[in-house]
Protein backbone atom coordinates (compact mmCIF):
# COMPACT_ATOMS: atom_id res chain seq x y z
CA UNK A 1 0.86 -7.92 24.26
CA UNK A 2 1.88 -10.94 22.15
CA UNK A 3 -1.52 -10.82 20.44
CA UNK A 4 -1.88 -7.06 20.12
CA UNK A 5 1.56 -6.13 18.73
CA UNK A 6 1.35 -7.95 15.36
CA UNK A 7 -2.31 -6.97 15.05
CA UNK A 8 -1.72 -3.27 15.73
CA UNK A 9 1.32 -3.07 13.45
CA UNK A 10 -0.73 -4.10 10.41
CA UNK A 11 -3.59 -1.77 11.34
CA UNK A 12 -1.16 1.14 11.85
CA UNK A 13 0.54 0.37 8.54
CA UNK A 14 -2.85 0.29 6.81
CA UNK A 15 -3.86 3.63 8.34
CA UNK A 16 -0.46 5.18 7.58
CA UNK A 17 -0.86 4.27 3.90
CA UNK A 18 -4.38 5.72 3.79
CA UNK A 19 -3.59 8.95 5.64
CA UNK A 20 0.01 9.76 4.73
CA UNK A 21 0.09 8.19 1.25
CA UNK A 22 3.89 7.63 1.49
CA UNK A 23 5.80 7.97 -1.75
CA UNK A 24 9.42 7.88 -0.50
CA UNK A 25 10.49 4.32 -1.31
CA UNK A 26 13.96 4.86 0.17
CA UNK A 27 12.55 5.36 3.67
CA UNK A 28 10.35 2.28 3.28
CA UNK A 29 13.35 0.25 2.12
CA UNK A 30 15.36 1.36 5.14
CA UNK A 31 12.47 0.36 7.40
CA UNK A 32 12.31 -2.98 5.61
CA UNK A 33 16.06 -3.46 6.05
CA UNK A 34 15.75 -2.77 9.78
CA UNK A 35 12.82 -5.16 10.12
CA UNK A 36 14.69 -7.86 8.20
CA UNK A 37 17.79 -7.47 10.36
CA UNK A 38 15.76 -7.44 13.58
CA UNK A 39 13.76 -10.52 12.55
CA UNK A 40 16.83 -12.45 11.40
CA UNK A 41 18.67 -11.62 14.64
CA UNK A 42 15.74 -12.76 16.78
CA UNK A 43 15.58 -15.99 14.79
CA UNK A 44 19.31 -16.72 15.08
CA UNK A 45 19.77 -15.61 18.70
CA UNK A 46 16.56 -16.90 20.25
CA UNK A 47 14.37 -19.16 18.14
CA UNK A 48 17.02 -21.33 16.45
CA UNK A 49 18.94 -22.24 19.68
CA UNK A 50 15.67 -23.09 21.40
CA UNK A 51 14.68 -25.47 18.59
CA UNK A 52 17.95 -27.41 18.83
CA UNK A 53 17.87 -27.37 22.65
CA UNK A 54 14.41 -28.92 22.55
CA UNK A 55 15.73 -31.73 20.38
CA UNK A 56 18.72 -32.27 22.68
CA UNK A 57 16.50 -32.42 25.76
CA UNK A 58 14.13 -34.83 24.05
CA UNK A 59 17.06 -37.13 23.22
CA UNK A 60 18.39 -36.92 26.77
CA UNK A 61 15.00 -37.78 28.16
CA UNK A 62 14.88 -40.96 26.10
CA UNK A 63 18.48 -41.93 26.77
CA UNK A 64 19.58 -41.35 23.21
CA UNK A 65 23.10 -40.42 22.33
CA UNK A 66 23.63 -36.78 21.44
CA UNK A 67 26.72 -34.85 20.49
CA UNK A 68 27.66 -35.87 16.97
CA UNK A 69 24.33 -36.49 15.36
CA UNK A 70 24.74 -35.01 11.89
CA UNK A 71 21.37 -36.29 10.68
CA UNK A 72 19.09 -34.25 12.91
CA UNK A 73 15.62 -34.07 11.33
CA UNK A 74 15.32 -30.48 12.57
CA UNK A 75 17.62 -29.37 9.76
CA UNK A 76 15.23 -30.97 7.28
CA UNK A 77 12.30 -29.08 8.79
CA UNK A 78 14.24 -25.79 8.57
CA UNK A 79 15.06 -26.42 4.90
CA UNK A 80 11.44 -27.44 4.39
CA UNK A 81 10.41 -24.05 5.76
CA UNK A 82 12.67 -22.31 3.25
CA UNK A 83 11.21 -24.34 0.37
CA UNK A 84 7.66 -23.75 1.63
CA UNK A 85 8.26 -19.99 1.75
CA UNK A 86 9.61 -20.04 -1.82
CA UNK A 87 6.40 -21.82 -2.87
CA UNK A 88 4.28 -19.21 -1.04
CA UNK A 89 6.19 -16.43 -2.78
CA UNK A 90 5.40 -17.98 -6.15
CA UNK A 91 1.76 -17.09 -5.43
CA UNK A 92 2.27 -13.90 -3.41
CA UNK A 93 4.88 -12.42 -5.82
CA UNK A 94 7.17 -11.60 -2.89
CA UNK A 95 4.68 -9.49 -0.93
CA UNK A 96 6.09 -10.85 2.35
CA UNK A 97 9.25 -8.82 1.82
CA UNK A 98 7.79 -5.72 0.22
CA UNK A 99 8.20 -6.73 -3.41
CA UNK A 100 4.54 -6.46 -4.31
CA UNK A 101 4.96 -3.07 -5.97
CA UNK A 102 6.71 -4.81 -8.82
CA UNK A 103 3.84 -7.13 -9.66
CA UNK A 104 1.14 -4.75 -10.78
CA UNK A 105 1.09 -6.32 -14.24
CA UNK A 106 -0.28 -9.53 -12.72
CA UNK A 107 -3.54 -7.84 -11.74
CA UNK A 108 -5.19 -6.87 -15.00
CA UNK A 109 -8.62 -7.28 -13.39
CA UNK A 110 -7.98 -4.68 -10.74
CA UNK A 111 -11.47 -4.85 -9.24
CA UNK A 112 -11.18 -8.55 -8.36
CA UNK A 113 -9.77 -9.94 -5.14
CA UNK A 114 -6.22 -11.38 -5.54
CA UNK A 115 -7.07 -14.67 -3.82
CA UNK A 116 -3.71 -16.38 -4.34
CA UNK A 117 -1.95 -13.42 -2.75
CA UNK A 118 -4.49 -13.41 0.08
CA UNK A 119 -4.16 -17.14 0.86
CA UNK A 120 -0.36 -17.20 0.69
CA UNK A 121 0.08 -14.11 2.87
CA UNK A 122 -2.40 -15.36 5.46
CA UNK A 123 -0.70 -18.78 5.57
CA UNK A 124 2.66 -17.08 6.05
CA UNK A 125 1.33 -14.83 8.84
CA UNK A 126 -0.45 -17.72 10.59
CA UNK A 127 2.72 -19.83 10.75
CA UNK A 128 4.78 -16.86 11.93
CA UNK A 129 2.56 -16.51 14.97
CA UNK A 130 2.97 -20.07 16.26
CA UNK A 131 6.42 -19.77 17.94
CA UNK A 132 5.33 -16.52 19.66
CA UNK A 133 3.62 -18.68 22.32
CA UNK A 134 7.06 -19.59 23.72
CA UNK A 135 9.03 -16.61 22.37
CA UNK A 136 7.17 -13.44 23.28
CA UNK A 137 10.00 -11.23 21.95
CA UNK A 138 9.29 -12.58 18.48
CA UNK A 139 6.03 -10.61 18.53
CA UNK A 140 8.12 -7.42 18.33
CA UNK A 141 10.06 -8.75 15.35
CA UNK A 142 6.91 -9.77 13.50
CA UNK A 143 5.25 -6.43 14.32
CA UNK A 144 8.22 -4.45 12.97
CA UNK A 145 8.29 -6.75 9.94
CA UNK A 146 4.56 -6.38 9.20
CA UNK A 147 4.35 -2.58 9.56
CA UNK A 148 6.14 -1.61 6.30
CA UNK A 149 4.61 -4.61 4.52
CA UNK A 150 1.14 -3.34 5.47
CA UNK A 151 1.99 0.13 4.10
CA UNK A 152 3.27 -1.30 0.81
CA UNK A 153 0.36 -3.72 0.43
CA UNK A 154 -2.26 -1.05 1.10
CA UNK A 155 -0.65 1.39 -1.33
CA UNK A 156 -0.42 -1.36 -3.95
CA UNK A 157 -4.10 -2.31 -3.59
CA UNK A 158 -5.19 1.33 -3.79
CA UNK A 159 -3.16 1.82 -6.97
CA UNK A 160 -4.60 -1.45 -8.36
CA UNK A 161 -8.13 -0.10 -8.05
CA UNK A 162 -9.31 -2.62 -5.44
CA UNK A 163 -12.39 -1.40 -3.57
CA UNK A 164 -11.94 0.19 -0.14
CA UNK A 165 -14.05 -2.55 1.45
CA UNK A 166 -11.96 -5.32 -0.12
CA UNK A 167 -8.72 -3.62 0.98
CA UNK A 168 -10.00 -3.23 4.54
CA UNK A 169 -11.15 -6.88 4.76
CA UNK A 170 -7.87 -8.11 3.23
CA UNK A 171 -5.72 -6.16 5.66
CA UNK A 172 -7.94 -7.06 8.64
CA UNK A 173 -7.63 -10.78 7.84
CA UNK A 174 -3.86 -10.39 7.40
CA UNK A 175 -3.66 -8.57 10.76
CA UNK A 176 -5.60 -11.30 12.58
CA UNK A 177 -3.62 -14.27 11.20
CA UNK A 178 -0.49 -13.93 13.36
CA UNK A 179 -2.39 -13.56 16.69
CA UNK A 180 -4.56 -16.49 15.54
CA UNK A 181 -1.44 -18.60 14.98
CA UNK A 182 -0.26 -17.74 18.49
CA UNK A 183 -3.66 -18.57 19.97
CA UNK A 184 -3.91 -21.90 18.11
CA UNK A 185 -0.36 -22.89 19.05
CA UNK A 186 -1.02 -22.30 22.73
CA UNK A 187 -4.36 -24.10 22.91
CA UNK A 188 -4.34 -27.05 20.52
CA UNK A 189 -2.66 -30.17 21.88
CA UNK A 190 -1.76 -31.38 18.38
CA UNK A 191 0.17 -28.18 17.65
CA UNK A 192 1.85 -28.28 21.06
CA UNK A 193 2.97 -31.88 20.46
CA UNK A 194 4.73 -30.90 17.23
CA UNK A 195 5.81 -27.46 18.44
CA UNK A 196 9.54 -28.07 17.82
CA UNK A 197 9.00 -29.25 14.25
CA UNK A 198 6.62 -26.37 13.47
CA UNK A 199 9.09 -23.90 15.00
CA UNK A 200 11.84 -25.34 12.79
CA UNK A 201 9.67 -24.76 9.71
CA UNK A 202 9.04 -21.18 10.87
CA UNK A 203 12.81 -20.70 11.38
CA UNK A 204 13.29 -21.63 7.72
CA UNK A 205 10.51 -19.24 6.67
CA UNK A 206 12.00 -16.38 8.72
CA UNK A 207 15.52 -17.12 7.45
CA UNK A 208 14.36 -16.78 3.87
CA UNK A 209 12.12 -13.75 4.43
CA UNK A 210 14.59 -11.73 6.52
CA UNK A 211 17.65 -12.44 4.38
CA UNK A 212 15.71 -11.59 1.22
CA UNK A 213 14.56 -8.30 2.77
CA UNK A 214 18.13 -7.37 3.70
CA UNK A 215 19.53 -8.06 0.24
CA UNK A 216 16.62 -6.67 -1.76
CA UNK A 217 15.96 -3.46 0.15
CA UNK A 218 18.40 -1.37 -1.87
CA UNK A 219 18.98 -1.07 -5.58
CA UNK A 220 21.77 -3.15 -7.04
CA UNK A 221 22.27 -4.96 -3.69
CA UNK A 222 24.55 -2.10 -2.57
CA UNK A 223 25.01 -1.72 1.18
CA UNK A 224 25.01 2.04 1.59
CA UNK A 225 25.83 3.61 4.95
CA UNK A 226 22.23 4.28 6.01
CA UNK A 227 21.23 0.70 5.27
CA UNK A 228 24.27 -0.68 7.10
CA UNK A 229 23.46 1.42 10.17
CA UNK A 230 19.82 0.29 10.37
CA UNK A 231 20.91 -3.34 9.96
CA UNK A 232 23.39 -2.98 12.84
CA UNK A 233 20.71 -1.24 14.91
CA UNK A 234 18.34 -4.15 14.29
CA UNK A 235 20.97 -6.65 15.45
CA UNK A 236 21.73 -4.66 18.61
CA UNK A 237 18.04 -4.26 19.53
CA UNK A 238 17.39 -7.97 19.00
CA UNK A 239 20.36 -8.87 21.20
CA UNK A 240 19.03 -6.91 24.16
CA UNK A 241 15.48 -8.26 23.94
């Protein structure tokens, strides 16, 4: 399940874009707002406490003092994740939060593969999958997050004139990256040894992605009633997972 959910969400989003050819951006923005709220809630309620608990347990195990340590390196890793995501978005033009439709002018050679976008999105998806090894519920959040992104990406590539084969290979690679991150995290000793630090970086990435989605998913940053309701729904669903 933890491997199939993120994989299937991208494939379903890809197929939905091909078959339905969605044009209603308001519905996509509401879906993005829900996914951002759900992902942020999972991060705050589940992933973030676990990261700090791991640090506290590690300190206890070594007899270190804990309680008023204001210089925890975990905070640095979280901020590093935010900075790293900003760097990725410089190359992906914000595709991680559905902003790719605004960057069509950057692809004058429509028949060529957008390699910077490909590498940055795959890096982002790979890192997202790593904490899923210990937090299976996060697979739901990533799946819900990736579904509208897959629809928007596929529609963007079609409109950009990218070949059907290139679009399929791009989306397939994107779909595989998150399960691959989960698989690598659970089987490589090096990754397991630095799991807490990697999770902290992912927390920073998810903080930036989800908050950006919430604030960018409506024009003029206005919280209309429909958007507010889907955000609250996302929080409630994440709480009960």
